[in-house]
Protein backbone atom coordinates (compact mmCIF):
# COMPACT_ATOMS: atom_id res chain seq x y z
CA MET A 1 105.40 148.26 62.82
CA LYS A 2 105.92 144.57 63.63
CA GLY A 3 105.11 142.29 60.76
CA SER A 4 105.09 144.81 57.92
CA LEU A 5 106.13 141.94 55.60
CA SER A 6 103.93 138.84 55.43
CA PHE A 7 105.87 135.58 55.06
CA LEU A 8 104.91 132.18 53.71
CA LEU A 9 106.86 129.18 55.02
CA SER A 10 106.80 125.90 53.11
CA GLY A 11 108.15 122.93 55.06
CA PRO A 12 107.92 123.14 58.86
CA GLY A 13 110.70 120.60 59.50
CA LEU A 14 113.81 121.13 61.61
CA ILE A 15 115.10 124.05 59.56
CA GLY A 16 111.54 125.29 59.01
CA GLU A 17 111.03 125.52 62.75
CA LYS A 18 114.18 127.65 62.98
CA HIS A 19 112.97 129.93 60.19
CA ALA A 20 109.60 130.32 61.92
CA ALA A 21 111.26 131.29 65.20
CA LEU A 22 113.49 133.82 63.46
CA ILE A 23 110.53 135.36 61.63
CA GLN A 24 108.82 135.76 64.98
CA ASP A 25 111.86 137.64 66.29
CA GLN A 26 112.24 139.79 63.17
CA PRO A 27 110.51 143.16 63.75
CA ASP A 28 109.76 143.63 60.04
CA ALA A 29 108.33 140.15 59.41
CA ALA A 30 105.29 138.10 60.36
CA LEU A 31 104.42 134.51 59.51
CA ALA A 32 101.14 134.60 57.57
CA ALA A 33 100.95 131.12 56.05
CA VAL A 34 102.42 127.65 56.49
CA VAL A 35 102.42 125.08 53.67
CA ALA A 36 102.87 121.40 54.49
CA PRO A 37 101.26 117.98 54.05
CA ASP A 38 97.97 117.75 55.92
CA SER A 39 98.54 116.36 59.40
CA ALA A 40 97.55 117.25 62.94
CA LYS A 41 101.16 118.10 63.73
CA ASN A 42 101.53 120.50 60.81
CA ARG A 43 98.17 122.15 61.47
CA ALA A 44 99.17 122.61 65.11
CA PHE A 45 102.46 124.15 63.99
CA ALA A 46 100.61 126.80 61.99
CA GLU A 47 97.96 127.39 64.63
CA ALA A 48 100.55 127.91 67.37
CA ARG A 49 102.05 130.71 65.27
CA ASN A 50 98.73 132.33 64.27
CA ALA A 51 99.40 131.44 60.64
CA ALA A 52 96.97 130.09 58.05
CA PHE A 53 97.52 126.49 57.01
CA TYR A 54 97.61 125.27 53.40
CA THR A 55 98.63 122.08 51.67
CA ASN A 56 100.01 123.75 48.55
CA VAL A 57 101.86 126.96 47.79
CA ALA A 58 99.62 128.06 44.91
CA GLN A 59 96.53 128.08 47.11
CA ALA A 60 98.32 130.01 49.84
CA LEU A 61 99.49 132.64 47.36
CA ASP A 62 95.98 132.97 45.91
CA CYS A 63 94.29 133.32 49.30
CA GLU A 64 96.80 135.35 51.31
CA SER A 65 98.61 138.62 50.78
CA ILE A 66 102.21 137.37 50.78
CA ASP A 67 105.31 139.57 50.49
CA ALA A 68 108.03 136.91 50.81
CA ALA A 69 108.39 133.13 50.92
CA ILE A 70 110.82 130.67 52.48
CA ILE A 71 110.99 127.23 50.87
CA SER A 72 112.39 124.59 53.25
CA SER A 73 110.41 121.65 51.91
CA PRO A 74 112.12 118.50 50.54
CA ASN A 75 114.35 119.23 47.54
CA GLU A 76 112.00 117.63 45.03
CA PHE A 77 109.45 120.40 45.69
CA HIS A 78 111.83 123.38 45.58
CA TYR A 79 111.50 124.13 41.88
CA GLU A 80 107.72 123.92 41.61
CA GLN A 81 107.08 125.90 44.79
CA ALA A 82 109.66 128.59 44.00
CA ILE A 83 108.32 129.02 40.45
CA GLN A 84 104.83 129.54 41.87
CA CYS A 85 106.22 132.30 44.08
CA LEU A 86 107.98 133.95 41.13
CA ASN A 87 104.75 133.81 39.11
CA HIS A 88 103.11 135.80 41.91
CA ALA A 89 106.06 138.25 41.99
CA VAL A 90 106.96 137.06 45.51
CA PRO A 91 110.69 137.07 46.40
CA VAL A 92 111.77 133.69 47.69
CA LEU A 93 114.46 132.21 49.93
CA VAL A 94 115.10 128.61 48.90
CA GLU A 95 117.01 126.26 51.17
CA LYS A 96 120.12 124.66 49.71
CA PRO A 97 120.48 122.90 47.41
CA LEU A 98 118.48 125.15 45.12
CA THR A 99 116.64 122.22 43.51
CA ASP A 100 117.10 118.47 43.20
CA ASN A 101 118.86 118.58 39.81
CA LEU A 102 120.75 120.95 37.53
CA ASP A 103 118.00 121.23 34.91
CA ASN A 104 115.55 122.64 37.42
CA ALA A 105 118.21 124.80 39.08
CA ALA A 106 119.14 126.43 35.77
CA ALA A 107 115.48 126.94 34.87
CA LEU A 108 114.71 128.54 38.23
CA ALA A 109 117.70 130.87 38.00
CA GLU A 110 116.67 131.94 34.50
CA ALA A 111 113.05 132.46 35.57
CA SER A 112 114.24 134.72 38.39
CA ARG A 113 116.24 136.77 35.87
CA LEU A 114 113.45 137.03 33.31
CA LYS A 115 110.74 137.90 35.82
CA GLY A 116 112.94 140.27 37.81
CA VAL A 117 111.95 138.59 41.08
CA PRO A 118 114.84 137.82 43.44
CA VAL A 119 115.74 134.32 44.61
CA LEU A 120 118.05 133.97 47.59
CA VAL A 121 119.64 130.55 48.15
CA GLY A 122 120.01 129.43 51.75
CA HIS A 123 123.78 129.07 51.98
CA HIS A 124 123.47 130.67 55.40
CA ARG A 125 127.15 130.32 56.36
CA THR A 126 127.83 133.16 53.91
CA TYR A 127 126.40 135.52 56.53
CA SER A 128 128.57 134.28 59.38
CA PRO A 129 130.83 137.02 60.78
CA LEU A 130 133.54 134.34 60.69
CA LEU A 131 133.50 134.37 56.90
CA GLN A 132 133.52 138.14 56.73
CA VAL A 133 136.62 138.31 58.96
CA ALA A 134 138.31 135.53 57.00
CA ARG A 135 137.56 137.13 53.63
CA SER A 136 138.98 140.45 54.80
CA PHE A 137 142.28 138.81 55.77
CA LEU A 138 142.47 136.69 52.61
CA ASN A 139 142.15 139.89 50.55
CA SER A 140 144.85 141.72 52.50
CA GLN A 141 148.55 142.37 51.85
CA ALA A 142 149.31 140.39 55.00
CA PHE A 143 147.99 137.24 53.28
CA GLY A 144 149.06 137.96 49.72
CA ARG A 145 148.03 135.71 46.84
CA LEU A 146 146.20 132.47 47.63
CA VAL A 147 148.46 129.46 47.05
CA CYS A 148 146.51 126.56 48.52
CA VAL A 149 143.75 125.58 50.92
CA GLN A 150 143.11 122.53 53.10
CA GLY A 151 139.59 121.81 54.29
CA CYS A 152 137.78 119.02 56.07
CA ALA A 153 134.37 117.98 57.31
CA LEU A 154 135.01 114.97 59.53
CA PHE A 155 132.21 113.82 61.85
CA TYR A 156 130.39 110.69 62.98
CA LYS A 157 126.72 110.21 62.15
CA PRO A 158 125.00 107.75 64.53
CA ASP A 159 123.14 104.64 63.40
CA GLY A 160 119.80 106.33 64.09
CA TYR A 161 120.50 108.87 61.36
CA PHE A 162 120.51 106.11 58.75
CA GLU A 163 117.67 104.14 60.34
CA ALA A 164 115.48 107.28 60.16
CA GLY A 165 116.35 107.74 56.47
CA PRO A 166 117.41 104.49 54.78
CA TRP A 167 117.77 106.38 51.48
CA ARG A 168 120.97 107.85 52.95
CA THR A 169 122.65 104.45 52.61
CA ARG A 170 121.84 104.07 48.91
CA LYS A 171 122.58 105.84 45.63
CA GLY A 172 121.55 109.45 46.02
CA GLY A 173 122.75 109.45 49.64
CA GLY A 174 126.28 109.60 51.00
CA PRO A 175 128.16 112.62 52.36
CA ILE A 176 129.20 113.91 48.92
CA LEU A 177 125.61 114.61 47.86
CA ILE A 178 124.28 115.32 51.36
CA ASN A 179 126.96 117.43 53.05
CA LEU A 180 129.52 118.76 50.60
CA ILE A 181 127.27 121.48 49.13
CA HIS A 182 127.92 123.55 52.28
CA GLU A 183 131.67 123.42 51.78
CA ILE A 184 131.54 124.20 48.07
CA GLY A 185 129.72 127.43 48.84
CA ILE A 186 132.42 128.42 51.33
CA LEU A 187 135.29 127.52 48.99
CA ARG A 188 133.83 129.50 46.10
CA TYR A 189 133.07 132.46 48.36
CA LEU A 190 136.56 132.63 49.88
CA CYS A 191 138.82 131.20 47.17
CA GLY A 192 137.12 131.91 43.84
CA GLU A 193 135.79 129.71 41.07
CA ILE A 194 136.68 126.02 40.98
CA THR A 195 137.73 124.83 37.51
CA SER A 196 138.53 121.12 37.94
CA VAL A 197 138.26 118.35 40.52
CA SER A 198 139.35 114.79 41.16
CA THR A 199 137.83 112.56 43.81
CA THR A 200 138.63 109.35 45.65
CA LYS A 201 135.94 107.81 47.80
CA SER A 202 135.63 104.82 50.13
CA ARG A 203 132.82 102.82 51.73
CA ALA A 204 135.14 100.57 53.71
CA ILE A 205 133.83 101.41 57.19
CA ARG A 206 130.02 101.30 56.90
CA ASP A 207 129.91 99.11 53.76
CA PHE A 208 126.84 100.94 52.49
CA GLU A 209 126.03 101.21 48.80
CA VAL A 210 127.35 104.77 48.93
CA GLU A 211 130.61 106.21 50.19
CA ASP A 212 131.23 107.07 53.83
CA SER A 213 134.44 109.01 53.09
CA ALA A 214 135.93 111.01 50.23
CA ALA A 215 139.02 113.01 49.36
CA VAL A 216 138.78 115.79 46.78
CA VAL A 217 141.53 117.69 44.95
CA LEU A 218 140.48 121.08 43.60
CA THR A 219 141.97 123.54 41.11
CA PHE A 220 140.84 127.17 41.23
CA GLU A 221 140.59 129.69 38.42
CA ASN A 222 143.20 131.90 40.10
CA GLY A 223 145.79 129.11 40.02
CA ALA A 224 145.43 128.02 43.63
CA ILE A 225 144.95 124.36 44.50
CA GLY A 226 143.22 122.67 47.42
CA THR A 227 142.28 119.44 49.11
CA PHE A 228 139.18 118.50 51.05
CA LEU A 229 138.58 115.49 53.32
CA LEU A 230 135.01 114.40 53.97
CA SER A 231 133.67 111.60 56.16
CA ASP A 232 130.51 110.83 58.11
CA THR A 233 132.17 107.94 59.95
CA ALA A 234 135.18 109.76 61.42
CA ALA A 235 135.37 110.27 65.19
CA SER A 236 136.76 113.77 64.75
CA SER A 237 136.02 117.36 65.68
CA LYS A 238 137.33 118.75 62.39
CA SER A 239 134.09 120.11 60.96
CA TRP A 240 132.39 123.50 60.67
CA GLU A 241 129.69 122.48 63.13
CA MET A 242 132.13 121.56 65.90
CA THR A 243 134.69 124.33 65.34
CA ALA A 244 132.53 127.37 64.54
CA GLY A 245 130.38 127.11 67.67
CA GLU A 246 127.33 128.62 65.97
CA ASN A 247 124.90 125.76 66.63
CA PRO A 248 124.46 124.69 70.28
CA ALA A 249 123.25 121.26 69.12
CA TYR A 250 126.89 120.31 68.50
CA PRO A 251 129.82 120.17 70.95
CA HIS A 252 132.24 123.05 70.46
CA PHE A 253 136.01 122.74 70.08
CA PRO A 254 137.20 126.37 69.86
CA SER A 255 140.90 125.49 69.50
CA GLN A 256 140.27 123.27 66.45
CA ASP A 257 140.12 124.32 62.79
CA CYS A 258 138.41 122.95 59.70
CA TYR A 259 140.22 125.09 57.11
CA HIS A 260 143.78 126.28 56.54
CA PHE A 261 144.43 128.95 53.92
CA ALA A 262 148.00 129.59 52.74
CA GLY A 263 149.04 132.64 50.76
CA ASP A 264 152.45 133.76 49.51
CA MET A 265 152.71 136.28 52.36
CA GLY A 266 150.73 134.73 55.22
CA SER A 267 148.26 132.09 56.34
CA LEU A 268 144.98 131.71 58.21
CA ASP A 269 143.59 128.93 60.39
CA PHE A 270 139.78 128.93 60.32
CA PRO A 271 137.65 129.40 62.41
CA SER A 272 140.12 130.03 65.26
CA MET A 273 141.33 132.97 63.14
CA ARG A 274 145.00 132.48 63.97
CA THR A 275 147.10 134.35 61.42
CA ARG A 276 150.75 134.42 60.40
CA THR A 277 152.41 136.87 58.04
CA TYR A 278 155.82 137.90 56.70
CA LEU A 279 154.51 141.43 56.06
CA GLY A 280 157.06 143.86 57.47
CA ALA A 281 159.85 141.25 57.61
CA SER A 282 163.13 141.82 55.77
CA GLU A 283 162.50 138.72 53.67
CA LYS A 284 160.11 135.79 53.28
CA SER A 285 161.82 132.56 54.34
CA TRP A 286 161.09 129.41 56.26
CA TRP A 287 164.01 130.43 58.46
CA ARG A 288 162.24 133.66 59.44
CA ALA A 289 159.69 134.00 62.22
CA PHE A 290 156.15 135.10 61.38
CA ALA A 291 154.26 137.97 62.91
CA GLU A 292 151.43 136.03 64.57
CA ASP A 293 148.02 137.23 65.69
CA GLN A 294 144.49 136.03 66.42
CA MET A 295 141.74 138.16 64.98
CA ALA A 296 138.83 139.16 67.18
CA LEU A 297 135.51 137.44 66.55
CA GLU A 298 131.90 138.51 66.94
CA HIS A 299 129.62 135.48 67.00
CA GLN A 300 126.15 135.86 65.51
CA ASP A 301 123.58 133.39 64.27
CA PRO A 302 124.13 133.27 60.49
CA LEU A 303 120.53 132.15 59.92
CA ALA A 304 119.32 135.28 61.68
CA CYS A 305 121.73 137.39 59.63
CA GLN A 306 120.45 135.69 56.48
CA LEU A 307 116.83 136.56 57.37
CA ASP A 308 117.79 140.18 58.03
CA HIS A 309 119.41 140.26 54.58
CA PHE A 310 116.36 138.65 52.97
CA VAL A 311 114.11 141.30 54.53
CA ASP A 312 116.37 143.93 52.94
CA VAL A 313 116.10 142.12 49.59
CA VAL A 314 112.29 142.01 49.81
CA ALA A 315 112.23 145.70 50.71
CA ASN A 316 114.48 146.54 47.72
CA ARG A 317 117.29 147.70 49.98
CA ALA A 318 119.71 144.98 48.82
CA THR A 319 120.28 142.40 46.12
CA PRO A 320 120.72 138.71 47.02
CA ALA A 321 124.18 137.88 48.37
CA VAL A 322 123.71 134.28 47.16
CA THR A 323 121.71 134.36 43.95
CA ALA A 324 119.98 131.51 42.19
CA TRP A 325 122.89 131.40 39.77
CA ASP A 326 125.28 131.07 42.73
CA GLY A 327 123.21 128.16 44.01
CA TYR A 328 123.29 126.60 40.56
CA ALA A 329 127.08 127.05 40.31
CA ASN A 330 127.56 125.29 43.66
CA MET A 331 125.50 122.36 42.37
CA VAL A 332 127.59 122.20 39.18
CA VAL A 333 130.79 121.81 41.21
CA LEU A 334 129.14 119.15 43.36
CA GLU A 335 128.13 117.25 40.22
CA ALA A 336 131.71 117.47 38.91
CA ILE A 337 132.99 116.00 42.19
CA GLU A 338 130.49 113.13 41.98
CA GLN A 339 131.38 112.46 38.33
CA ALA A 340 135.10 112.51 39.15
CA ALA A 341 134.54 109.85 41.82
CA THR A 342 132.39 107.67 39.59
CA GLN A 343 134.57 107.97 36.48
CA GLU A 344 137.91 107.97 38.33
CA ARG A 345 139.31 110.91 36.40
CA VAL A 346 139.84 114.64 36.59
CA VAL A 347 136.60 116.40 35.68
CA HIS A 348 136.61 119.98 34.46
CA VAL A 349 133.65 121.90 35.84
CA ALA A 350 132.94 123.33 32.39
CA GLU A 351 132.14 119.77 31.20
CA VAL A 352 129.12 119.48 33.47
CA THR A 353 125.74 120.15 31.87
CA PRO A 354 122.26 120.09 33.42
CA MET A 355 121.27 116.85 31.69
CA SER A 356 124.18 115.02 33.38
CA SER A 357 123.16 115.97 36.89
CA ALA A 358 122.52 113.72 39.87
CA THR A 359 119.91 114.26 42.54
CA VAL A 360 121.14 116.34 45.46
CA LYS A 361 119.90 115.64 48.96
CA ASN A 362 119.50 117.63 52.15
CA THR A 363 120.85 116.40 55.48
């Protein structure tokens, strides 16, 4: 029956609108309640979707029969709203970053464990078929052992982006805190745990208080090393958004890549999925030709795949693929990168504690 699970949505912004549309298309879900600041626009949003409107999560949970919640409100409200859901034994999907600081993130993850109520963190790229194909190859004999990885997120944000949110030009803004959380989730998912980082950043182009560009060197627990280039002032197509082709809001460059993974047997360009391998050759040598291929792709909306997974979590058919502790671990690495830039030294991820955390922002 359509709508067997009643959903609460907190935060009907850009991503909230997408969540609402996906709930409408999900045969096992129905939007029962919307939580947002009181305004004609927000009330109209709820009314158009036949959902009750509330100004706080606690009231919605007390008045409605809710099976699951999606928290896409501003980061500063994530912890309080998610805790309220856990107190009502309601599984919750929290948009990334999990909370606005490490203290709250650790507390939320521990509350989820103690109460036995699942928290899924909205690192939606995890559900992209692109990542599943990539992970399969990176774990194959054709790739071998990971040696190094190159990644980049190079794009140009227009002036209107900063005019609409002046905070993005000041401390607490900048592409490290705003954008890099996406990439950390991917790197940990595909390459393993990150143990240390060093960072160089620049604000030479925009001359804001915060950086507009950064370069990060990463060391992984398995011995691999990596580099990552990040800039929101680069006229480039080398970003997930413009290479993966999963969001029609961005132009698509299917021949471009934003990651290169190199193993001791082969390599992978991502997301074009071009592969090279010495597997089957008489020897590995830079004088030997590779066996080259391009793996087949099946494009799906990762946000839709994430909602399908969340429905399975709520129905006790699955456990969260990205747990609250995963979301916390991503934030810890991000904090290490920010500290490395500020202190101009190599920072070991194990050094980072909740009390040292910075505020993490959404896009």
